[in-house]
Amino acid sequence: MLLVMILVALIAFIVLSTTRLKLHPFLALLAAAFIAGFAYQLPSAEIVKTINAGFGNILGYIGIVIVLGTIIGVILERSGAAITMAETVIKLLGERFPTLTMSIIGYLVSIPVFCDSGFVILNSLKNALAARMKVSVVAMSVALATGLYATHTFVPPTPGPIAAAGNLGLENSLGLVIAVGLVVAFVTAMAGMWWANRFIGKDIALEDDGLPLPAAEDFAELKARYGKLPSAFQAFAPIFVPILLICLGSIAVFPSKPFGEGIVLSSLIFLGQPVVALLVGLALACTLLKSADKRKEFHDHVVEGLLSAAPILLITGAGGAFGAILKITPLGDYLGSTLSGLGIGLFMPFVVAAALKSAQGSTTVALVTTSALVAPLLGQLGLDSEMGRVLTVMAIGAGAMTVSHANDSFFWVVTQFSRMPVAVAYRAQTVATLIQGIAGIITVWLLSLVLL
């Protein structure tokens, strides 16, 4: 019982230090790792050694992938590729299903681009479509926000799911994580759209900041600022070619040897490694560079990507250190014997991630911390197989989106750019993320009945 009380105290420390004390999650997780080591009475020399190894091991597996994915996202964001993706979806779906169109645009754009940035980029497009289709801005905002949120939480190369996969030993199975993540993310995006439709015909008064709501003219002006937009192939290739290569690499090593055993097999295995696949994606993203001095433009985007990736790398490394400490304590055996009889399986990581997300606001911190916490317990929870680990990432992701409210930066991005009153945002955006999280864990549980 003491072991569990220490664990609860550690989680409470992480939450309180990041919320009340405003301590950076990197330092909070690192401090939690040291506290855990002493609380569980590990030898002092062993504590430092384990923390160093845990920090280095996780970044050795997944650090380069996080950096490359972030740089690709920056290039796509700055080149206007997100606008091209949105217009391509509108051409395919037309304007008959406004909220579905916005959900799918968000779903696609947020695979490489952070959901906060994606919403800011697409805000003018969303408002222009709402005005053109005579649809509530609130409904369109929730549809876009939940579509962005879905792939941001479940699908690599977004850093959160990549870090969680690395913590759970899936760095060589990212193709499977992507494939399952796309399915779970689609269900949660549709759940968000369903809730958005409740507001589609409602005339909700928006906050007045003295400026008119952006309309079609503003979107045309936004497009003009980007200059010549990339083609649909140029916009989508840096995302989907790496995903395709990673998935083909995963299929290539199936025992049935679907691609034979010659040079095709060895080439697909090499190209399907996440680092190589994302380097291919980065090369394709370079075709989006359009200034006169492409070398400087590329350098500036890389610097911006590195600055964006640095906090995520540090949080991921500290999460790996925390997990490494927990792994060598007797906690795993004790919790395993206790939890195995309860049969809660995938619901345990979901509840922990949901508690962390709701308390401290960051989806990435919830993904990293929960995955580090759960990694030593997979055997006892009956999830110590490749598919069990993949579904654990999905369960953590479902918890890490439950719920977005006032302590989440994304909540304020959606609220301020949509001019929603805070009370309306709680009814629309916060409840939507709760529904998404519940839909996500139900989907993961149903998949577990078939796949485990």
Protein backbone atom coordinates (compact mmCIF):
# COMPACT_ATOMS: atom_id res chain seq x y z
CA MET A 1 0.00 0.00 0.00
CA LEU A 2 2.90 2.35 0.77
CA LEU A 3 4.22 1.80 -2.78
CA VAL A 4 0.93 3.06 -4.24
CA MET A 5 0.78 6.03 -1.88
CA ILE A 6 4.26 7.08 -3.03
CA LEU A 7 3.12 6.81 -6.66
CA VAL A 8 0.01 8.94 -5.99
CA ALA A 9 2.20 11.49 -4.20
CA LEU A 10 4.56 11.60 -7.20
CA ILE A 11 1.67 12.24 -9.61
CA ALA A 12 0.32 14.93 -7.28
CA PHE A 13 3.79 16.51 -7.15
CA ILE A 14 4.02 16.63 -10.97
CA VAL A 15 0.55 18.19 -11.25
CA LEU A 16 1.01 20.75 -8.47
CA SER A 17 4.53 21.75 -9.46
CA THR A 18 3.50 22.40 -13.08
CA THR A 19 0.23 24.16 -12.23
CA ARG A 20 0.61 25.99 -8.93
CA LEU A 21 4.39 26.46 -8.85
CA LYS A 22 4.63 27.02 -12.64
CA LEU A 23 7.65 24.71 -12.80
CA HIS A 24 8.58 23.62 -16.32
CA PRO A 25 7.47 19.99 -16.95
CA PHE A 26 11.11 19.04 -17.71
CA LEU A 27 12.22 20.02 -14.22
CA ALA A 28 9.06 18.60 -12.62
CA LEU A 29 9.61 15.17 -14.22
CA LEU A 30 13.33 15.20 -13.43
CA ALA A 31 12.64 16.11 -9.80
CA ALA A 32 9.96 13.39 -9.65
CA ALA A 33 12.53 10.86 -10.88
CA PHE A 34 14.94 11.76 -8.06
CA ILE A 35 12.18 11.84 -5.44
CA ALA A 36 10.94 8.43 -6.62
CA GLY A 37 14.44 6.98 -6.36
CA PHE A 38 14.89 8.10 -2.77
CA ALA A 39 11.27 7.34 -1.76
CA TYR A 40 11.60 3.76 -3.03
CA GLN A 41 14.96 3.50 -1.23
CA LEU A 42 17.12 2.82 -4.27
CA PRO A 43 20.92 3.16 -3.86
CA SER A 44 21.92 6.79 -4.50
CA ALA A 45 24.54 5.88 -7.12
CA GLU A 46 21.96 3.71 -8.91
CA ILE A 47 19.47 6.63 -9.01
CA VAL A 48 21.79 8.96 -10.96
CA LYS A 49 22.97 6.17 -13.26
CA THR A 50 19.39 5.10 -14.04
CA ILE A 51 18.20 8.67 -14.67
CA ASN A 52 21.08 9.34 -17.07
CA ALA A 53 20.47 6.06 -18.91
CA GLY A 54 16.70 6.58 -19.08
CA PHE A 55 17.09 10.13 -20.42
CA GLY A 56 19.62 9.11 -23.06
CA ASN A 57 17.95 5.88 -24.16
CA ILE A 58 14.60 7.42 -25.02
CA LEU A 59 16.16 10.30 -26.96
CA GLY A 60 18.52 7.89 -28.71
CA TYR A 61 15.50 6.03 -30.03
CA ILE A 62 13.14 8.86 -30.84
CA GLY A 63 14.88 12.26 -30.53
CA ILE A 64 15.90 12.68 -34.19
CA VAL A 65 12.41 11.68 -35.33
CA ILE A 66 10.83 14.40 -33.16
CA VAL A 67 13.22 17.04 -34.55
CA LEU A 68 12.71 16.05 -38.21
CA GLY A 69 8.93 15.92 -37.80
CA THR A 70 8.91 19.39 -36.22
CA ILE A 71 11.08 20.90 -38.99
CA ILE A 72 8.80 19.43 -41.68
CA GLY A 73 5.80 20.92 -39.86
CA VAL A 74 7.43 24.39 -39.78
CA ILE A 75 8.18 24.29 -43.53
CA LEU A 76 4.62 23.19 -44.33
CA GLU A 77 3.23 25.92 -42.07
CA ARG A 78 5.36 28.72 -43.53
CA SER A 79 4.94 27.73 -47.19
CA GLY A 80 1.13 27.84 -47.28
CA ALA A 81 0.87 24.05 -47.67
CA ALA A 82 -1.87 23.96 -45.01
CA ILE A 83 -3.96 26.35 -47.15
CA THR A 84 -3.46 24.10 -50.18
CA MET A 85 -4.51 21.03 -48.16
CA ALA A 86 -7.65 22.82 -47.00
CA GLU A 87 -8.60 23.94 -50.51
CA THR A 88 -8.00 20.42 -51.86
CA VAL A 89 -10.41 18.95 -49.28
CA ILE A 90 -13.01 21.64 -50.10
CA LYS A 91 -12.77 20.79 -53.81
CA LEU A 92 -13.24 17.09 -53.04
CA LEU A 93 -16.15 17.43 -50.60
CA GLY A 94 -17.75 20.62 -51.90
CA GLU A 95 -19.66 22.88 -49.54
CA ARG A 96 -22.64 20.67 -48.73
CA PHE A 97 -21.16 19.32 -45.49
CA PRO A 98 -19.48 22.31 -43.81
CA THR A 99 -18.57 20.76 -40.46
CA LEU A 100 -17.41 17.49 -42.08
CA THR A 101 -15.20 19.52 -44.42
CA MET A 102 -13.66 21.43 -41.51
CA SER A 103 -13.12 18.24 -39.48
CA ILE A 104 -11.28 16.50 -42.33
CA ILE A 105 -9.18 19.60 -43.05
CA GLY A 106 -8.14 19.67 -39.38
CA TYR A 107 -7.56 15.89 -39.35
CA LEU A 108 -5.10 16.11 -42.26
CA VAL A 109 -3.32 19.37 -41.39
CA SER A 110 -2.53 18.41 -37.79
CA ILE A 111 -0.56 15.28 -38.71
CA PRO A 112 2.58 17.42 -39.25
CA VAL A 113 1.49 20.83 -37.88
CA PHE A 114 0.81 21.54 -34.17
CA CYS A 115 -2.91 21.92 -33.52
CA ASP A 116 -2.46 25.45 -32.10
CA SER A 117 -0.63 26.62 -35.24
CA GLY A 118 -3.07 24.78 -37.50
CA PHE A 119 -6.04 26.59 -35.97
CA VAL A 120 -4.39 30.00 -36.34
CA ILE A 121 -3.46 29.32 -39.98
CA LEU A 122 -6.93 28.03 -40.91
CA ASN A 123 -8.96 30.51 -38.86
CA SER A 124 -9.61 32.89 -41.78
CA LEU A 125 -10.59 29.99 -44.04
CA LYS A 126 -12.97 28.67 -41.39
CA ASN A 127 -14.65 32.07 -40.93
CA ALA A 128 -14.89 32.62 -44.68
CA LEU A 129 -16.58 29.24 -45.16
CA ALA A 130 -18.95 29.91 -42.25
CA ALA A 131 -19.99 33.23 -43.84
CA ARG A 132 -20.32 31.70 -47.32
CA MET A 133 -22.39 28.71 -46.13
CA LYS A 134 -24.37 30.74 -43.55
CA VAL A 135 -23.30 28.36 -40.76
CA SER A 136 -22.56 29.16 -37.12
CA VAL A 137 -18.94 30.19 -36.51
CA VAL A 138 -19.05 28.23 -33.24
CA ALA A 139 -19.98 24.99 -35.04
CA MET A 140 -17.21 25.46 -37.62
CA SER A 141 -14.66 26.35 -34.91
CA VAL A 142 -15.42 23.23 -32.87
CA ALA A 143 -15.33 21.02 -35.99
CA LEU A 144 -11.92 22.41 -37.00
CA ALA A 145 -10.50 22.32 -33.45
CA THR A 146 -11.56 18.71 -32.79
CA GLY A 147 -10.30 17.55 -36.19
CA LEU A 148 -6.91 19.13 -35.46
CA TYR A 149 -6.91 17.73 -31.92
CA ALA A 150 -7.57 14.15 -33.07
CA THR A 151 -4.45 13.55 -35.18
CA HIS A 152 -2.34 15.81 -32.92
CA THR A 153 -3.00 13.34 -30.09
CA PHE A 154 -2.90 9.96 -31.85
CA VAL A 155 -0.80 10.05 -35.03
CA PRO A 156 3.01 10.28 -35.40
CA PRO A 157 5.03 12.24 -36.49
CA THR A 158 3.34 14.58 -33.99
CA PRO A 159 5.81 14.62 -31.04
CA GLY A 160 3.38 13.52 -28.27
CA PRO A 161 2.41 10.14 -29.75
CA ILE A 162 6.01 9.56 -30.93
CA ALA A 163 7.34 10.12 -27.40
CA ALA A 164 4.69 7.81 -25.92
CA ALA A 165 5.52 5.13 -28.49
CA GLY A 166 9.22 5.47 -27.63
CA ASN A 167 8.56 5.14 -23.91
CA LEU A 168 6.60 1.95 -24.57
CA GLY A 169 9.31 0.38 -26.75
CA LEU A 170 7.58 0.91 -30.12
CA GLU A 171 10.27 2.94 -31.86
CA ASN A 172 10.57 0.19 -34.50
CA SER A 173 6.78 -0.21 -34.90
CA LEU A 174 5.74 3.34 -35.71
CA GLY A 175 3.99 2.12 -38.89
CA LEU A 176 1.57 0.15 -36.75
CA VAL A 177 1.12 3.09 -34.37
CA ILE A 178 0.33 5.36 -37.35
CA ALA A 179 -2.13 2.87 -38.89
CA VAL A 180 -4.07 2.32 -35.66
CA GLY A 181 -3.76 6.01 -34.73
CA LEU A 182 -5.35 7.13 -38.01
CA VAL A 183 -8.36 4.92 -37.29
CA VAL A 184 -8.82 6.03 -33.67
CA ALA A 185 -8.21 9.67 -34.62
CA PHE A 186 -10.87 9.49 -37.35
CA VAL A 187 -13.45 8.17 -34.88
CA THR A 188 -12.64 10.94 -32.39
CA ALA A 189 -12.71 13.60 -35.13
CA MET A 190 -16.19 12.41 -36.16
CA ALA A 191 -17.29 12.45 -32.50
CA GLY A 192 -16.12 16.08 -32.29
CA MET A 193 -17.96 16.91 -35.51
CA TRP A 194 -21.14 15.31 -34.10
CA TRP A 195 -20.99 17.64 -31.11
CA ALA A 196 -20.18 20.64 -33.36
CA ASN A 197 -23.37 19.97 -35.33
CA ARG A 198 -25.41 20.79 -32.22
CA PHE A 199 -24.41 24.44 -32.73
CA ILE A 200 -24.76 24.54 -36.53
CA GLY A 201 -28.07 26.42 -36.66
CA LYS A 202 -27.73 28.43 -33.46
CA ASP A 203 -27.27 32.19 -33.49
CA ILE A 204 -24.66 32.57 -30.74
CA ALA A 205 -23.44 36.06 -29.90
CA LEU A 206 -19.66 36.30 -30.22
CA GLU A 207 -17.28 38.60 -28.35
CA ASP A 208 -16.89 42.02 -29.96
CA ASP A 209 -13.30 43.27 -30.17
CA GLY A 210 -14.18 46.16 -32.45
CA LEU A 211 -13.19 44.36 -35.64
CA PRO A 212 -15.46 42.58 -38.13
CA LEU A 213 -15.26 38.81 -38.37
CA PRO A 214 -12.92 37.68 -41.17
CA ALA A 215 -14.80 36.88 -44.38
CA ALA A 216 -13.95 35.60 -47.86
CA GLU A 217 -11.97 38.79 -48.68
CA ASP A 218 -9.73 38.26 -45.65
CA PHE A 219 -9.02 34.69 -46.70
CA ALA A 220 -8.06 35.91 -50.19
CA GLU A 221 -5.70 38.39 -48.54
CA LEU A 222 -4.21 35.61 -46.39
CA LYS A 223 -3.55 33.51 -49.50
CA ALA A 224 -1.96 36.47 -51.21
CA ARG A 225 0.51 36.85 -48.32
CA TYR A 226 1.85 33.38 -49.04
CA GLY A 227 2.43 34.24 -52.70
CA LYS A 228 2.26 31.27 -55.06
CA LEU A 229 0.79 28.35 -53.13
CA PRO A 230 2.26 24.84 -53.54
CA SER A 231 0.42 22.20 -55.55
CA ALA A 232 -1.62 19.53 -53.79
CA PHE A 233 1.14 16.95 -54.43
CA GLN A 234 3.82 19.25 -53.01
CA ALA A 235 1.68 19.97 -49.94
CA PHE A 236 0.72 16.39 -49.11
CA ALA A 237 3.91 14.53 -50.14
CA PRO A 238 6.10 15.53 -47.13
CA ILE A 239 3.46 14.03 -44.81
CA PHE A 240 2.16 11.00 -46.61
CA VAL A 241 5.32 9.71 -48.34
CA PRO A 242 7.10 9.18 -44.96
CA ILE A 243 3.95 7.61 -43.50
CA LEU A 244 3.71 5.29 -46.51
CA LEU A 245 7.41 4.35 -46.23
CA ILE A 246 7.11 3.62 -42.49
CA CYS A 247 4.02 1.48 -43.09
CA LEU A 248 5.66 -0.41 -45.98
CA GLY A 249 8.74 -0.98 -43.82
CA SER A 250 6.52 -2.50 -41.12
CA ILE A 251 4.77 -4.75 -43.66
CA ALA A 252 8.09 -5.81 -45.20
CA VAL A 253 9.23 -7.57 -42.01
CA PHE A 254 6.04 -9.63 -41.66
CA PRO A 255 6.87 -13.37 -41.29
CA SER A 256 5.08 -14.06 -44.60
CA LYS A 257 7.74 -11.93 -46.41
CA PRO A 258 5.26 -10.19 -48.78
CA PHE A 259 8.08 -8.40 -50.65
CA GLY A 260 10.40 -11.43 -50.89
CA GLU A 261 13.94 -11.45 -49.54
CA GLY A 262 15.98 -9.53 -52.12
CA ILE A 263 16.96 -5.93 -52.62
CA VAL A 264 13.34 -4.76 -52.48
CA LEU A 265 13.01 -6.09 -48.94
CA SER A 266 16.28 -4.56 -47.71
CA SER A 267 15.44 -1.23 -49.40
CA LEU A 268 11.98 -1.06 -47.82
CA ILE A 269 13.34 -1.97 -44.38
CA PHE A 270 15.96 0.82 -44.70
CA LEU A 271 13.54 3.44 -46.07
CA GLY A 272 10.88 2.39 -43.56
CA GLN A 273 12.98 3.31 -40.55
CA PRO A 274 11.37 6.48 -39.12
CA VAL A 275 14.56 8.57 -39.26
CA VAL A 276 15.15 7.72 -42.94
CA ALA A 277 11.48 8.11 -43.88
CA LEU A 278 11.33 11.56 -42.29
CA LEU A 279 14.57 12.58 -44.01
CA VAL A 280 12.82 11.71 -47.29
CA GLY A 281 9.88 13.83 -46.10
CA LEU A 282 12.24 16.70 -45.30
CA ALA A 283 13.77 16.47 -48.79
CA LEU A 284 10.26 16.66 -50.29
CA ALA A 285 9.42 19.60 -48.00
CA CYS A 286 12.43 21.46 -49.45
CA THR A 287 10.56 21.71 -52.77
CA LEU A 288 8.23 24.14 -50.94
CA LEU A 289 11.00 26.68 -50.37
CA LYS A 290 10.39 29.68 -52.61
CA SER A 291 12.53 32.66 -51.60
CA ALA A 292 15.44 33.88 -53.72
CA ASP A 293 17.89 32.62 -51.08
CA LYS A 294 16.59 29.10 -50.47
CA ARG A 295 19.63 28.14 -48.41
CA LYS A 296 18.94 30.90 -45.85
CA GLU A 297 15.20 30.17 -45.88
CA PHE A 298 15.88 26.51 -45.15
CA HIS A 299 18.35 27.43 -42.39
CA ASP A 300 15.78 29.74 -40.76
CA HIS A 301 13.09 27.02 -40.85
CA VAL A 302 15.49 24.47 -39.33
CA VAL A 303 16.37 26.90 -36.52
CA GLU A 304 12.67 27.52 -35.85
CA GLY A 305 12.00 23.77 -35.86
CA LEU A 306 14.86 23.13 -33.43
CA LEU A 307 13.56 25.83 -31.07
CA SER A 308 10.07 24.29 -31.19
CA ALA A 309 11.40 20.75 -30.69
CA ALA A 310 13.76 21.54 -27.81
CA PRO A 311 11.16 21.69 -24.98
CA ILE A 312 9.52 18.50 -26.28
CA LEU A 313 12.87 16.70 -26.39
CA LEU A 314 13.65 17.74 -22.82
CA ILE A 315 10.22 16.70 -21.53
CA THR A 316 10.49 13.39 -23.41
CA GLY A 317 13.97 12.71 -22.00
CA ALA A 318 12.85 13.56 -18.45
CA GLY A 319 9.82 11.30 -18.92
CA GLY A 320 12.19 8.51 -19.97
CA ALA A 321 14.29 9.11 -16.84
CA PHE A 322 11.19 9.00 -14.62
CA GLY A 323 10.02 5.79 -16.28
CA ALA A 324 13.45 4.19 -15.93
CA ILE A 325 13.42 4.83 -12.17
CA LEU A 326 9.92 3.39 -11.78
CA LYS A 327 10.97 0.34 -13.78
CA ILE A 328 13.59 -0.75 -11.25
CA THR A 329 11.34 -0.31 -8.19
CA PRO A 330 9.08 -3.06 -6.78
CA LEU A 331 6.07 -0.95 -7.83
CA GLY A 332 5.47 -2.88 -11.06
CA ASP A 333 5.14 -6.26 -9.40
CA TYR A 334 2.89 -4.91 -6.65
CA LEU A 335 0.57 -2.98 -8.95
CA GLY A 336 0.52 -5.83 -11.42
CA SER A 337 -0.69 -8.33 -8.87
CA THR A 338 -3.26 -5.81 -7.62
CA LEU A 339 -4.53 -4.56 -10.98
CA SER A 340 -4.57 -7.89 -12.81
CA GLY A 341 -7.45 -9.03 -10.63
CA LEU A 342 -9.45 -5.90 -11.41
CA GLY A 343 -9.36 -6.50 -15.18
CA ILE A 344 -9.13 -2.77 -15.98
CA GLY A 345 -6.37 -3.20 -18.59
CA LEU A 346 -6.43 -0.27 -21.02
CA PHE A 347 -8.64 1.87 -18.80
CA MET A 348 -5.86 2.38 -16.24
CA PRO A 349 -3.56 4.40 -18.58
CA PHE A 350 -6.63 6.26 -19.90
CA VAL A 351 -7.68 7.39 -16.41
CA VAL A 352 -4.13 8.43 -15.42
CA ALA A 353 -3.64 10.42 -18.65
CA ALA A 354 -7.07 12.05 -18.32
CA ALA A 355 -6.32 13.09 -14.74
CA LEU A 356 -2.95 14.57 -15.73
CA LYS A 357 -4.35 16.34 -18.80
CA SER A 358 -7.31 17.86 -16.96
CA ALA A 359 -5.10 18.95 -14.06
CA GLN A 360 -2.13 20.51 -15.85
CA GLY A 361 -3.41 21.22 -19.39
CA SER A 362 -0.64 19.89 -21.65
CA THR A 363 -1.50 16.95 -23.89
CA THR A 364 2.19 16.26 -24.59
CA VAL A 365 3.08 16.19 -20.88
CA ALA A 366 0.14 13.83 -20.20
CA LEU A 367 1.27 11.50 -23.03
CA VAL A 368 4.93 11.46 -21.96
CA THR A 369 4.32 11.14 -18.22
CA THR A 370 1.62 8.46 -18.43
CA SER A 371 3.58 6.36 -20.93
CA ALA A 372 6.66 6.51 -18.67
CA LEU A 373 4.50 5.57 -15.69
CA VAL A 374 2.72 2.68 -17.43
CA ALA A 375 5.72 1.14 -19.24
CA PRO A 376 6.87 -1.02 -16.27
CA LEU A 377 3.30 -2.30 -15.72
CA LEU A 378 2.51 -3.60 -19.22
CA GLY A 379 3.19 -7.24 -18.37
CA GLN A 380 0.96 -7.19 -15.31
CA LEU A 381 -1.81 -5.38 -17.23
CA GLY A 382 -1.74 -8.04 -19.96
CA LEU A 383 -0.54 -5.54 -22.56
CA ASP A 384 3.07 -6.70 -23.04
CA SER A 385 2.74 -7.50 -26.75
CA GLU A 386 3.33 -5.30 -29.78
CA MET A 387 -0.38 -4.69 -30.34
CA GLY A 388 -0.95 -4.33 -26.60
CA ARG A 389 1.65 -1.56 -26.50
CA VAL A 390 0.14 0.15 -29.57
CA LEU A 391 -3.32 0.12 -27.99
CA THR A 392 -1.81 1.44 -24.75
CA VAL A 393 -0.47 4.45 -26.70
CA MET A 394 -4.01 4.95 -28.06
CA ALA A 395 -5.58 4.65 -24.59
CA ILE A 396 -3.11 7.21 -23.24
CA GLY A 397 -3.89 9.47 -26.21
CA ALA A 398 -7.62 9.23 -25.49
CA GLY A 399 -6.95 10.27 -21.89
CA ALA A 400 -4.57 13.05 -22.98
CA MET A 401 -7.39 14.82 -24.85
CA THR A 402 -9.79 14.64 -21.89
CA VAL A 403 -10.47 17.52 -21.33
CA SER A 404 -9.29 20.82 -22.85
CA HIS A 405 -10.24 23.73 -20.63
CA ALA A 406 -8.84 26.95 -19.16
CA ASN A 407 -5.37 25.55 -18.31
CA ASP A 408 -4.80 24.40 -21.92
CA SER A 409 -3.27 26.87 -24.41
CA PHE A 410 -5.26 25.28 -27.25
CA PHE A 411 -8.51 26.12 -25.44
CA TRP A 412 -7.55 29.81 -25.47
CA VAL A 413 -6.39 29.72 -29.10
CA VAL A 414 -9.79 28.33 -30.14
CA THR A 415 -11.70 30.71 -27.84
CA GLN A 416 -9.86 33.91 -28.75
CA PHE A 417 -9.57 33.37 -32.50
CA SER A 418 -13.24 32.33 -32.72
CA ARG A 419 -14.36 35.09 -30.35
CA MET A 420 -16.37 32.61 -28.32
CA PRO A 421 -17.38 33.76 -24.84
CA VAL A 422 -15.69 31.53 -22.26
CA ALA A 423 -19.02 30.09 -21.10
CA VAL A 424 -19.85 29.11 -24.69
CA ALA A 425 -16.35 27.65 -25.16
CA TYR A 426 -16.84 25.38 -22.14
CA ARG A 427 -20.15 24.11 -23.58
CA ALA A 428 -18.77 23.75 -27.09
CA GLN A 429 -15.02 23.04 -27.06
CA THR A 430 -14.49 21.54 -23.59
CA VAL A 431 -17.47 19.17 -23.82
CA ALA A 432 -16.38 18.23 -27.36
CA THR A 433 -12.97 17.09 -26.08
CA LEU A 434 -14.64 15.10 -23.30
CA ILE A 435 -16.80 13.33 -25.91
CA GLN A 436 -13.70 12.76 -28.06
CA GLY A 437 -11.82 11.16 -25.16
CA ILE A 438 -14.73 8.85 -24.31
CA ALA A 439 -15.20 7.92 -27.98
CA GLY A 440 -11.45 7.27 -28.21
CA ILE A 441 -11.21 4.88 -25.25
CA ILE A 442 -14.37 3.01 -26.33
CA THR A 443 -12.83 2.58 -29.80
CA VAL A 444 -9.53 1.37 -28.31
CA TRP A 445 -11.39 -1.07 -26.02
CA LEU A 446 -13.39 -2.47 -28.98
CA LEU A 447 -10.18 -2.86 -31.01
CA SER A 448 -8.61 -4.72 -28.08
CA LEU A 449 -11.43 -7.28 -28.15
CA VAL A 450 -10.53 -8.07 -31.77
CA LEU A 451 -6.76 -7.57 -31.84
CA LEU A 452 -5.57 -8.84 -28.42
